[in-house]
Amino acid sequence: MPHPPLHILVDAAKFILNEIAVHPDFQALDYHPDLTIGDAQTALSYLKHELEENCRYNNISD
C-alpha cells in the first residue's frame, strides 16, 4: 500500500494538534509537560518548510 504524500500527513497532523489544543477536555486538564502541543506544532512547521524548500530545489534542478 503506497504512503500518502508527506506534506498531506504534516498538514493533517497540524490540524489534529490544533483540534487537541482547543478541545475542552484537553483545556480542562492540569497538564504541563516539558514539551507542549505548541512545540509539536512548531516542529511540524519546520518540517513543512523543509519539505517546501526541498520541493523548490528539486523543481529548479530538474
N, C-alpha and C. Protein backbone atom coordinates (compact mmCIF):
# COMPACT_ATOMS: atom_id res chain seq x y z
N MET A 1 0.85 -1.18 0.00
CA MET A 1 0.00 0.00 0.00
C MET A 1 0.89 1.24 0.00
N PRO A 2 0.69 2.13 -0.95
CA PRO A 2 1.53 3.34 -1.01
C PRO A 2 1.21 4.30 0.13
N HIS A 3 2.22 5.03 0.52
CA HIS A 3 2.06 6.03 1.58
C HIS A 3 1.50 7.32 0.99
N PRO A 4 0.66 8.04 1.75
CA PRO A 4 0.22 9.36 1.27
C PRO A 4 1.41 10.31 1.24
N PRO A 5 1.32 11.36 0.44
CA PRO A 5 2.41 12.34 0.40
C PRO A 5 2.68 12.92 1.80
N LEU A 6 3.96 13.13 2.09
CA LEU A 6 4.35 13.59 3.42
C LEU A 6 3.73 14.94 3.77
N HIS A 7 3.63 15.85 2.80
CA HIS A 7 3.06 17.16 3.12
C HIS A 7 1.58 17.05 3.52
N ILE A 8 0.88 16.06 2.99
CA ILE A 8 -0.51 15.84 3.40
C ILE A 8 -0.57 15.35 4.84
N LEU A 9 0.34 14.45 5.20
CA LEU A 9 0.39 13.95 6.58
C LEU A 9 0.75 15.06 7.56
N VAL A 10 1.68 15.93 7.18
CA VAL A 10 2.08 17.04 8.04
C VAL A 10 0.89 17.97 8.26
N ASP A 11 0.18 18.30 7.20
CA ASP A 11 -0.99 19.17 7.35
C ASP A 11 -2.05 18.52 8.23
N ALA A 12 -2.26 17.22 8.07
CA ALA A 12 -3.24 16.51 8.90
C ALA A 12 -2.81 16.52 10.36
N ALA A 13 -1.53 16.30 10.61
CA ALA A 13 -1.02 16.31 11.99
C ALA A 13 -1.19 17.69 12.62
N LYS A 14 -0.90 18.74 11.85
CA LYS A 14 -1.07 20.10 12.36
C LYS A 14 -2.54 20.36 12.71
N PHE A 15 -3.44 19.89 11.85
CA PHE A 15 -4.87 20.06 12.10
C PHE A 15 -5.27 19.34 13.39
N ILE A 16 -4.83 18.10 13.53
CA ILE A 16 -5.19 17.31 14.71
C ILE A 16 -4.63 17.94 15.98
N LEU A 17 -3.38 18.40 15.93
CA LEU A 17 -2.81 19.06 17.12
C LEU A 17 -3.61 20.29 17.50
N ASN A 18 -4.04 21.05 16.51
CA ASN A 18 -4.84 22.24 16.80
C ASN A 18 -6.17 21.85 17.43
N GLU A 19 -6.79 20.79 16.91
CA GLU A 19 -8.06 20.33 17.47
C GLU A 19 -7.88 19.87 18.92
N ILE A 20 -6.77 19.19 19.20
CA ILE A 20 -6.49 18.78 20.57
C ILE A 20 -6.31 20.00 21.47
N ALA A 21 -5.55 20.98 21.00
CA ALA A 21 -5.26 22.17 21.81
C ALA A 21 -6.52 22.94 22.20
N VAL A 22 -7.52 22.96 21.33
CA VAL A 22 -8.73 23.73 21.62
C VAL A 22 -9.84 22.88 22.21
N HIS A 23 -9.60 21.58 22.34
CA HIS A 23 -10.64 20.69 22.87
C HIS A 23 -10.88 21.00 24.36
N PRO A 24 -12.13 21.14 24.76
CA PRO A 24 -12.43 21.47 26.16
C PRO A 24 -11.87 20.44 27.16
N ASP A 25 -11.88 19.18 26.80
CA ASP A 25 -11.34 18.16 27.72
C ASP A 25 -9.84 18.35 27.92
N PHE A 26 -9.14 18.70 26.86
CA PHE A 26 -7.71 18.96 26.98
C PHE A 26 -7.46 20.22 27.79
N GLN A 27 -8.22 21.26 27.51
CA GLN A 27 -8.04 22.52 28.23
C GLN A 27 -8.37 22.38 29.71
N ALA A 28 -9.23 21.44 30.05
CA ALA A 28 -9.61 21.24 31.45
C ALA A 28 -8.53 20.49 32.24
N LEU A 29 -7.61 19.85 31.55
CA LEU A 29 -6.54 19.11 32.24
C LEU A 29 -5.56 20.08 32.89
N ASP A 30 -5.05 19.68 34.00
CA ASP A 30 -3.94 20.43 34.62
C ASP A 30 -2.66 19.74 34.16
N TYR A 31 -2.32 19.97 32.91
CA TYR A 31 -1.27 19.23 32.23
C TYR A 31 -0.20 20.20 31.75
N HIS A 32 1.00 20.05 32.28
CA HIS A 32 2.10 20.97 31.96
C HIS A 32 3.38 20.19 31.68
N PRO A 33 3.44 19.50 30.53
CA PRO A 33 4.64 18.73 30.22
C PRO A 33 5.80 19.63 29.79
N ASP A 34 7.00 19.05 29.75
CA ASP A 34 8.16 19.82 29.29
C ASP A 34 8.01 20.24 27.83
N LEU A 35 7.46 19.37 27.00
CA LEU A 35 7.20 19.69 25.60
C LEU A 35 5.70 19.83 25.44
N THR A 36 5.29 20.87 24.73
CA THR A 36 3.87 21.19 24.62
C THR A 36 3.35 20.92 23.21
N ILE A 37 2.06 21.05 23.06
CA ILE A 37 1.46 20.95 21.74
C ILE A 37 2.03 22.04 20.83
N GLY A 38 2.28 23.20 21.39
CA GLY A 38 2.90 24.27 20.61
C GLY A 38 4.27 23.88 20.10
N ASP A 39 5.04 23.15 20.90
CA ASP A 39 6.34 22.66 20.45
C ASP A 39 6.17 21.71 19.26
N ALA A 40 5.19 20.83 19.36
CA ALA A 40 4.94 19.88 18.27
C ALA A 40 4.49 20.62 17.01
N GLN A 41 3.65 21.63 17.17
CA GLN A 41 3.20 22.42 16.03
C GLN A 41 4.38 23.14 15.38
N THR A 42 5.28 23.65 16.19
CA THR A 42 6.47 24.32 15.66
C THR A 42 7.34 23.33 14.89
N ALA A 43 7.53 22.14 15.44
CA ALA A 43 8.33 21.12 14.76
C ALA A 43 7.71 20.77 13.40
N LEU A 44 6.39 20.66 13.36
CA LEU A 44 5.73 20.36 12.09
C LEU A 44 5.85 21.53 11.11
N SER A 45 5.83 22.75 11.61
CA SER A 45 6.03 23.91 10.73
C SER A 45 7.42 23.89 10.12
N TYR A 46 8.42 23.55 10.93
CA TYR A 46 9.79 23.43 10.40
C TYR A 46 9.88 22.33 9.37
N LEU A 47 9.23 21.20 9.63
CA LEU A 47 9.24 20.10 8.68
C LEU A 47 8.57 20.51 7.38
N LYS A 48 7.44 21.18 7.47
CA LYS A 48 6.73 21.63 6.26
C LYS A 48 7.60 22.60 5.46
N HIS A 49 8.26 23.50 6.17
CA HIS A 49 9.16 24.45 5.49
C HIS A 49 10.28 23.69 4.76
N GLU A 50 10.86 22.70 5.42
CA GLU A 50 11.91 21.91 4.81
C GLU A 50 11.40 21.16 3.58
N LEU A 51 10.20 20.62 3.66
CA LEU A 51 9.60 19.94 2.51
C LEU A 51 9.40 20.90 1.34
N GLU A 52 8.92 22.11 1.65
CA GLU A 52 8.71 23.12 0.60
C GLU A 52 10.03 23.53 -0.03
N GLU A 53 11.05 23.73 0.78
CA GLU A 53 12.37 24.09 0.25
C GLU A 53 12.92 22.96 -0.62
N ASN A 54 12.77 21.74 -0.17
CA ASN A 54 13.24 20.58 -0.92
C ASN A 54 12.51 20.48 -2.26
N CYS A 55 11.21 20.74 -2.25
CA CYS A 55 10.41 20.71 -3.48
C CYS A 55 10.88 21.79 -4.44
N ARG A 56 11.12 22.99 -3.93
CA ARG A 56 11.62 24.08 -4.78
C ARG A 56 12.98 23.72 -5.37
N TYR A 57 13.86 23.16 -4.55
CA TYR A 57 15.20 22.79 -5.01
C TYR A 57 15.09 21.73 -6.10
N ASN A 58 14.24 20.73 -5.89
CA ASN A 58 14.10 19.66 -6.89
C ASN A 58 13.49 20.18 -8.18
N ASN A 59 12.58 21.13 -8.09
CA ASN A 59 12.00 21.70 -9.30
C ASN A 59 13.01 22.53 -10.08
N ILE A 60 13.89 23.20 -9.38
CA ILE A 60 14.91 24.02 -10.04
C ILE A 60 15.96 23.13 -10.70
N SER A 61 16.32 22.03 -10.04
CA SER A 61 17.39 21.20 -10.56
C SER A 61 16.92 20.24 -11.64
N ASP A 62 15.61 20.13 -11.88
CA ASP A 62 15.10 19.23 -12.93
C ASP A 62 15.32 19.79 -14.31
